Amino acid sequence: MIADRPLGVDSLAVLGWDSAWQEELDRLGPGAGRPARVSRVDRGVCTVLGPEPGRADALHLLVATGDWAVVGPGRHPGDRELVLSVLARRTAFVRDRSGPEAAAQVIAANVDRVFITCGLEVKLSSARLERYLALAWQSGAIPVVVLTKADQMPASELRRAIGWARAIAIGVDVRAVSSTTGLGLAELASEHLAPGRTVAVLGPSGVGKSSLINALAGRGLMAVGATRRDGKGRHTTSHGQLLVVPECGVLLDTPGMRALGLWDAAEGLAQTFSDLEELAASCRFGNCHHGTEPGCAVTAAIASGRISAARLESWRKLQRELASLAARQGDQALRQQARRRWSALTRESRRRPE
């Protein structure tokens, strides 16, 4: 649970502040404000961490959990502080908000590692893992696949689950852990946690994200809830939230996400399906659709069993989703342009004498 008062730390370095961030702040000039890390955002009001923790109004600024904000005094004595500016993000895990209008939602900013969690007590979803991987690679952070609740699976099945994840997450570290027994936690922490490093824990509800954070921190930082009988999770975490554990870095807990639309993720998708991208480059024809064309390296790999037809279909499905997103963005831009033209004509007509 979030504390009543934001956490104060003696040094910004605990939160990931470094010389490059300081240079970014210095470019804003003297008197720009003081830096603070955004721990959570509630309807435009930010909880900020640092030597002077507190709450600050973001006003018109779009602020996300993990951002480095520049904070200054409010407009009047006694007012809440204001977020004056936000330093340019190094990384950002972004999804498409659901709805007819294309709109980006930043789930986590300035993250160094992304723990993609998959609960082993329910049926594993290749499509979900591929989607998380595409957005994680696109974010600029390093993805790590964490298979949780490993104590609930026999050793032989656990080995198969690890093999399943490695076949999908090419070049990504895959770890199986149990927050109950401690299996694999020490190895996960020693490899990926470090003072000043920020790790976001992402995944659908019920996979044990909050339990994992508590186990890695060695104390109960987050409330945890039971999983429903049907295997679907309850939303124990309702907001993204930074949690500072000085000895192992900064952990970013996120709400469970059932809908995870792609957003500007062409590079991340190519990284996720690097095996298919490499094969496609070897096809006889540059515009090969990987169907019945002669000399198709992709269909040859499917025929030989090197890759599955299901993986090719997943790749195509996500490519179609990105194409649809681009079309929605284009339609939206045209509508906005038309509205601007109409507004300009309206203003001009009002200025004309009758």
Protein backbone atom coordinates (compact mmCIF):
# COMPACT_ATOMS: atom_id res chain seq x y z
CA MET A 1 0.00 0.00 0.00
CA ILE A 2 1.15 3.54 -0.62
CA ALA A 3 2.35 5.35 2.45
CA ASP A 4 0.43 8.37 3.76
CA ARG A 5 3.54 10.49 3.26
CA PRO A 6 5.91 10.11 0.28
CA LEU A 7 9.29 8.59 0.93
CA GLY A 8 12.24 10.90 1.45
CA VAL A 9 15.73 9.80 0.42
CA ASP A 10 19.06 11.38 1.25
CA SER A 11 20.32 11.29 -2.34
CA LEU A 12 18.67 11.39 -5.73
CA ALA A 13 21.20 8.76 -6.84
CA VAL A 14 19.12 6.16 -4.97
CA LEU A 15 16.32 6.96 -7.41
CA GLY A 16 18.57 6.69 -10.49
CA TRP A 17 19.79 10.30 -10.80
CA ASP A 18 23.15 10.61 -12.55
CA SER A 19 25.40 13.18 -14.25
CA ALA A 20 23.49 12.97 -17.54
CA TRP A 21 20.24 13.86 -15.80
CA GLN A 22 22.03 16.72 -14.06
CA GLU A 23 23.25 18.05 -17.42
CA GLU A 24 19.68 17.88 -18.71
CA LEU A 25 18.52 19.92 -15.74
CA ASP A 26 21.37 22.44 -16.10
CA ARG A 27 20.31 23.14 -19.69
CA LEU A 28 17.04 24.52 -18.37
CA GLY A 29 18.98 27.30 -16.68
CA PRO A 30 19.28 28.55 -13.12
CA GLY A 31 16.10 28.69 -11.09
CA ALA A 32 14.37 26.04 -13.22
CA GLY A 33 13.29 24.14 -10.10
CA ARG A 34 14.37 21.09 -8.16
CA PRO A 35 14.42 17.54 -9.58
CA ALA A 36 12.20 14.79 -8.17
CA ARG A 37 11.15 11.33 -9.36
CA VAL A 38 7.46 10.78 -10.02
CA SER A 39 6.29 7.84 -7.94
CA ARG A 40 2.66 7.83 -8.95
CA VAL A 41 0.05 9.97 -10.70
CA ASP A 42 -3.53 10.44 -9.49
CA ARG A 43 -5.69 12.56 -11.81
CA GLY A 44 -3.02 15.13 -12.50
CA VAL A 45 -1.54 15.17 -9.00
CA CYS A 46 1.90 13.56 -8.72
CA THR A 47 3.57 11.94 -5.75
CA VAL A 48 7.25 12.87 -6.08
CA LEU A 49 10.22 11.31 -4.32
CA GLY A 50 13.54 12.81 -3.30
CA PRO A 51 15.12 14.63 -0.36
CA GLU A 52 11.99 16.82 -0.35
CA PRO A 53 9.14 14.42 -1.11
CA GLY A 54 5.61 15.64 -1.59
CA ARG A 55 2.67 16.11 -3.91
CA ALA A 56 2.69 18.37 -6.96
CA ASP A 57 0.09 19.45 -9.51
CA ALA A 58 0.98 18.53 -13.10
CA LEU A 59 -1.60 20.91 -14.63
CA HIS A 60 -1.34 20.68 -18.44
CA LEU A 61 1.74 18.42 -18.47
CA LEU A 62 1.49 14.73 -19.34
CA VAL A 63 3.39 13.01 -16.54
CA ALA A 64 3.94 9.28 -16.05
CA THR A 65 5.22 7.10 -13.25
CA GLY A 66 9.02 7.04 -13.43
CA ASP A 67 9.40 10.49 -14.96
CA TRP A 68 11.98 12.95 -13.67
CA ALA A 69 10.02 16.10 -12.91
CA VAL A 70 11.25 19.62 -12.23
CA VAL A 71 9.23 20.91 -9.31
CA GLY A 72 8.70 24.47 -8.07
CA PRO A 73 6.45 26.42 -5.70
CA GLY A 74 2.76 26.94 -6.36
CA ARG A 75 1.32 30.20 -7.63
CA HIS A 76 0.17 31.38 -4.22
CA PRO A 77 1.46 30.87 -0.66
CA GLY A 78 0.15 27.62 0.73
CA ASP A 79 -0.61 26.15 -2.70
CA ARG A 80 0.58 22.70 -3.63
CA GLU A 81 3.85 22.61 -5.57
CA LEU A 82 3.80 22.51 -9.37
CA VAL A 83 5.51 20.26 -11.90
CA LEU A 84 7.15 22.93 -14.05
CA SER A 85 8.65 20.59 -16.65
CA VAL A 86 9.49 16.96 -17.31
CA LEU A 87 12.96 15.86 -18.40
CA ALA A 88 13.14 13.96 -21.70
CA ARG A 89 12.49 10.27 -21.16
CA ARG A 90 15.27 7.80 -21.85
CA THR A 91 12.86 4.89 -22.12
CA ALA A 92 9.07 4.55 -22.10
CA PHE A 93 6.77 1.53 -22.09
CA VAL A 94 3.81 2.81 -24.14
CA ARG A 95 0.55 1.18 -25.14
CA ASP A 96 -2.38 2.27 -27.27
CA ARG A 97 -5.35 3.33 -25.18
CA SER A 98 -8.46 1.37 -26.09
CA GLY A 99 -11.05 3.36 -28.03
CA PRO A 100 -11.80 4.70 -31.51
CA GLU A 101 -9.21 7.49 -31.24
CA ALA A 102 -5.53 6.54 -31.39
CA ALA A 103 -3.89 7.71 -28.17
CA ALA A 104 -0.71 6.71 -26.38
CA GLN A 105 -0.55 5.83 -22.69
CA VAL A 106 2.84 5.72 -20.96
CA ILE A 107 2.80 2.92 -18.41
CA ALA A 108 6.37 3.34 -17.15
CA ALA A 109 9.10 5.88 -17.91
CA ASN A 110 12.89 5.80 -17.50
CA VAL A 111 13.00 2.07 -16.84
CA ASP A 112 16.21 0.05 -17.23
CA ARG A 113 14.73 -3.46 -17.07
CA VAL A 114 11.22 -4.79 -17.72
CA PHE A 115 10.19 -7.96 -15.89
CA ILE A 116 7.47 -9.55 -18.04
CA THR A 117 5.66 -11.85 -15.63
CA CYS A 118 3.78 -15.01 -16.63
CA GLY A 119 1.92 -17.05 -14.01
CA LEU A 120 2.57 -20.77 -14.30
CA GLU A 121 -0.65 -21.83 -12.57
CA VAL A 122 -2.73 -20.87 -15.63
CA LYS A 123 -2.48 -21.62 -19.35
CA LEU A 124 0.48 -19.81 -20.88
CA SER A 125 -0.29 -17.43 -23.75
CA SER A 126 2.23 -17.08 -26.56
CA ALA A 127 0.29 -14.16 -28.07
CA ARG A 128 0.35 -12.21 -24.80
CA LEU A 129 4.07 -12.80 -24.26
CA GLU A 130 4.87 -11.73 -27.84
CA ARG A 131 2.86 -8.54 -27.36
CA TYR A 132 4.63 -7.65 -24.11
CA LEU A 133 8.01 -8.38 -25.68
CA ALA A 134 7.33 -6.12 -28.67
CA LEU A 135 6.43 -3.19 -26.42
CA ALA A 136 9.28 -3.90 -24.01
CA TRP A 137 11.88 -3.93 -26.79
CA GLN A 138 10.32 -0.78 -28.26
CA SER A 139 10.56 0.97 -24.89
CA GLY A 140 14.36 0.90 -24.95
CA ALA A 141 14.59 -1.11 -21.74
CA ILE A 142 15.96 -4.65 -21.45
CA PRO A 143 13.18 -7.27 -21.17
CA VAL A 144 13.38 -10.24 -18.82
CA VAL A 145 10.75 -12.99 -18.80
CA VAL A 146 9.87 -14.05 -15.25
CA LEU A 147 7.78 -17.21 -14.84
CA THR A 148 6.10 -16.85 -11.45
CA LYS A 149 4.55 -19.43 -9.10
CA ALA A 150 7.10 -22.06 -10.15
CA ASP A 151 6.36 -24.02 -6.97
CA GLN A 152 2.93 -24.93 -8.40
CA MET A 153 4.38 -26.95 -11.28
CA PRO A 154 6.25 -30.30 -11.37
CA ALA A 155 9.90 -30.08 -12.39
CA SER A 156 9.34 -31.74 -15.79
CA GLU A 157 6.54 -29.31 -16.68
CA LEU A 158 8.62 -26.40 -15.40
CA ARG A 159 11.42 -27.31 -17.81
CA ARG A 160 8.91 -27.37 -20.67
CA ALA A 161 7.55 -23.97 -19.65
CA ILE A 162 11.04 -22.49 -19.61
CA GLY A 163 11.67 -23.96 -23.07
CA TRP A 164 8.38 -22.49 -24.29
CA ALA A 165 9.36 -19.02 -23.09
CA ARG A 166 12.87 -19.22 -24.54
CA ALA A 167 11.51 -20.24 -27.95
CA ILE A 168 9.34 -17.08 -28.00
CA ALA A 169 11.64 -14.63 -26.21
CA ILE A 170 14.69 -14.98 -28.44
CA GLY A 171 17.81 -13.55 -26.81
CA VAL A 172 15.93 -12.71 -23.60
CA ASP A 173 16.82 -13.98 -20.14
CA VAL A 174 14.10 -16.32 -18.82
CA ARG A 175 13.79 -17.01 -15.08
CA ALA A 176 11.42 -19.26 -13.13
CA VAL A 177 10.75 -18.09 -9.57
CA SER A 178 8.52 -18.66 -6.60
CA SER A 179 7.72 -15.86 -4.18
CA THR A 180 6.49 -18.51 -1.74
CA THR A 181 9.53 -20.80 -1.58
CA GLY A 182 12.17 -18.33 -2.77
CA LEU A 183 13.10 -20.46 -5.78
CA GLY A 184 15.17 -18.46 -8.27
CA LEU A 185 14.78 -15.11 -6.50
CA ALA A 186 18.41 -14.70 -5.45
CA GLU A 187 19.62 -15.39 -8.99
CA LEU A 188 17.07 -13.00 -10.49
CA ALA A 189 18.05 -10.25 -8.06
CA SER A 190 21.80 -10.67 -8.46
CA GLU A 191 21.56 -10.57 -12.25
CA HIS A 192 19.09 -7.75 -12.77
CA LEU A 193 18.70 -5.58 -9.66
CA ALA A 194 21.24 -2.93 -8.68
CA PRO A 195 21.27 0.31 -6.65
CA GLY A 196 19.93 3.18 -8.76
CA ARG A 197 18.53 0.83 -11.42
CA THR A 198 14.79 0.94 -12.20
CA VAL A 199 12.93 -2.29 -12.90
CA ALA A 200 9.28 -2.28 -14.01
CA VAL A 201 7.22 -5.38 -13.24
CA LEU A 202 4.51 -5.89 -15.86
CA GLY A 203 1.92 -8.54 -16.58
CA PRO A 204 -1.79 -9.31 -16.33
CA SER A 205 -3.62 -9.39 -13.02
CA GLY A 206 -3.10 -12.42 -10.84
CA VAL A 207 0.41 -13.43 -11.96
CA GLY A 208 1.95 -12.38 -8.64
CA LYS A 209 3.61 -9.05 -9.48
CA SER A 210 3.10 -7.56 -6.01
CA SER A 211 4.20 -10.80 -4.33
CA LEU A 212 7.33 -10.83 -6.48
CA ILE A 213 8.16 -7.24 -5.49
CA ASN A 214 7.67 -8.03 -1.81
CA ALA A 215 9.87 -11.13 -2.10
CA LEU A 216 12.66 -9.26 -3.93
CA ALA A 217 12.52 -6.38 -1.43
CA GLY A 218 12.48 -8.74 1.54
CA ARG A 219 9.49 -6.98 3.08
CA GLY A 220 5.82 -6.30 2.51
CA LEU A 221 5.83 -3.19 0.33
CA MET A 222 2.67 -4.05 -1.60
CA ALA A 223 -0.72 -5.51 -0.67
CA VAL A 224 -1.41 -8.86 -2.32
CA GLY A 225 -4.67 -10.58 -3.14
CA ALA A 226 -5.84 -14.10 -3.91
CA THR A 227 -6.31 -15.27 -7.48
CA ARG A 228 -9.87 -16.15 -8.50
CA ARG A 229 -10.83 -19.78 -8.97
CA ASP A 230 -10.95 -19.35 -12.75
CA GLY A 231 -7.28 -18.29 -12.74
CA LYS A 232 -8.05 -14.65 -13.53
CA GLY A 233 -6.43 -12.12 -11.29
CA ARG A 234 -7.88 -9.40 -9.13
CA HIS A 235 -6.56 -5.86 -9.56
CA THR A 236 -4.58 -5.54 -6.32
CA THR A 237 -2.56 -2.67 -7.81
CA SER A 238 -4.68 0.11 -9.34
CA HIS A 239 -1.92 2.64 -10.10
CA GLY A 240 1.66 2.50 -11.31
CA GLN A 241 3.90 3.11 -8.33
CA LEU A 242 7.64 3.43 -7.68
CA LEU A 243 9.01 1.58 -4.67
CA VAL A 244 12.51 2.38 -3.46
CA VAL A 245 14.66 -0.43 -2.08
CA PRO A 246 18.10 1.19 -1.70
CA GLU A 247 20.01 -2.10 -1.64
CA CYS A 248 18.48 -3.34 -4.91
CA GLY A 249 17.24 -0.26 -6.76
CA VAL A 250 13.82 1.05 -7.70
CA LEU A 251 10.92 -1.30 -8.42
CA LEU A 252 7.94 -0.08 -10.42
CA ASP A 253 4.73 -1.96 -9.78
CA THR A 254 2.04 -1.63 -12.45
CA PRO A 255 -1.67 -2.46 -12.66
CA GLY A 256 -2.66 -5.66 -14.37
CA MET A 257 -3.37 -5.01 -18.06
CA ARG A 258 -5.82 -7.20 -19.95
CA ALA A 259 -5.77 -4.92 -23.01
CA LEU A 260 -2.34 -4.13 -24.39
CA GLY A 261 -2.57 -2.44 -27.75
CA LEU A 262 0.61 -1.86 -29.73
CA TRP A 263 1.82 1.71 -30.16
CA ASP A 264 4.56 2.72 -32.59
CA ALA A 265 6.24 -0.65 -32.04
CA ALA A 266 7.66 -1.57 -35.45
CA GLU A 267 11.22 -1.89 -34.15
CA GLY A 268 10.12 -3.82 -31.07
CA LEU A 269 8.08 -6.18 -33.23
CA ALA A 270 11.06 -6.80 -35.49
CA GLN A 271 13.23 -7.57 -32.44
CA THR A 272 10.61 -9.94 -31.00
CA PHE A 273 10.37 -11.85 -34.28
CA SER A 274 14.04 -11.54 -35.22
CA ASP A 275 14.08 -15.17 -36.37
CA LEU A 276 11.33 -14.52 -38.91
CA GLU A 277 12.86 -11.20 -39.94
CA GLU A 278 16.14 -12.97 -40.68
CA LEU A 279 14.41 -15.69 -42.67
CA ALA A 280 12.33 -13.17 -44.62
CA ALA A 281 15.51 -11.40 -45.70
CA SER A 282 16.57 -14.66 -47.41
CA CYS A 283 13.40 -15.08 -49.48
CA ARG A 284 13.85 -15.05 -53.23
CA PHE A 285 11.52 -12.07 -53.66
CA GLY A 286 11.79 -8.91 -51.64
CA ASN A 287 8.00 -8.52 -51.48
CA CYS A 288 7.36 -12.14 -50.48
CA HIS A 289 4.14 -12.68 -48.50
CA HIS A 290 5.38 -16.04 -47.17
CA GLY A 291 2.54 -17.98 -48.71
CA THR A 292 2.85 -19.88 -51.99
CA GLU A 293 5.72 -17.88 -53.51
CA PRO A 294 8.67 -19.98 -54.75
CA GLY A 295 11.91 -19.62 -52.84
CA CYS A 296 10.25 -18.51 -49.59
CA ALA A 297 12.65 -19.12 -46.71
CA VAL A 298 9.88 -18.70 -44.12
CA THR A 299 7.57 -21.40 -45.50
CA ALA A 300 10.58 -23.67 -45.96
CA ALA A 301 11.44 -23.24 -42.27
CA ILE A 302 7.85 -24.07 -41.32
CA ALA A 303 7.90 -27.19 -43.51
CA SER A 304 11.13 -28.36 -41.87
CA GLY A 305 9.80 -27.72 -38.36
CA ARG A 306 12.30 -24.96 -37.52
CA ILE A 307 9.47 -22.56 -36.71
CA SER A 308 5.74 -23.02 -36.23
CA ALA A 309 2.98 -21.79 -38.48
CA ALA A 310 1.38 -20.27 -35.36
CA ARG A 311 4.41 -18.03 -34.86
CA LEU A 312 4.16 -16.77 -38.43
CA GLU A 313 0.45 -16.02 -37.93
CA SER A 314 1.20 -14.13 -34.69
CA TRP A 315 3.78 -12.04 -36.55
CA ARG A 316 1.27 -11.26 -39.29
CA LYS A 317 -1.47 -10.42 -36.79
CA LEU A 318 0.69 -7.90 -34.94
CA GLN A 319 1.85 -6.37 -38.24
CA ARG A 320 -1.81 -5.92 -39.23
CA GLU A 321 -2.48 -4.28 -35.88
CA LEU A 322 0.33 -1.78 -36.43
CA ALA A 323 -0.98 -1.04 -39.93
CA SER A 324 -4.46 -0.45 -38.51
CA LEU A 325 -3.03 1.84 -35.85
CA ALA A 326 -1.20 3.86 -38.51
CA ALA A 327 -4.46 4.22 -40.44
CA ARG A 328 -6.31 5.40 -37.33
CA GLN A 329 -3.54 7.89 -36.60
CA GLY A 330 -3.76 9.18 -40.17
CA ASP A 331 -7.55 9.54 -40.00
CA GLN A 332 -7.26 11.30 -36.67
CA ALA A 333 -4.65 13.72 -38.03
CA LEU A 334 -6.93 14.54 -40.97
CA ARG A 335 -9.85 15.18 -38.62
CA GLN A 336 -7.71 17.45 -36.45
CA GLN A 337 -6.50 19.31 -39.54
CA ALA A 338 -10.10 19.78 -40.70
CA ARG A 339 -11.12 21.07 -37.26
CA ARG A 340 -8.25 23.57 -37.32
CA ARG A 341 -9.29 24.79 -40.77
CA TRP A 342 -12.92 25.12 -39.66
CA SER A 343 -11.89 27.02 -36.52
CA ALA A 344 -9.75 29.38 -38.61
CA LEU A 345 -12.63 30.03 -41.02
CA THR A 346 -14.99 30.65 -38.11
CA ARG A 347 -12.61 33.17 -36.54
CA GLU A 348 -12.14 34.90 -39.90
CA SER A 349 -15.90 35.16 -40.49
CA ARG A 350 -16.38 36.74 -37.06
CA ARG A 351 -13.81 39.40 -37.87
CA ARG A 352 -15.54 40.42 -41.11
CA PRO A 353 -17.90 43.38 -40.90
CA GLU A 354 -21.55 42.65 -41.57
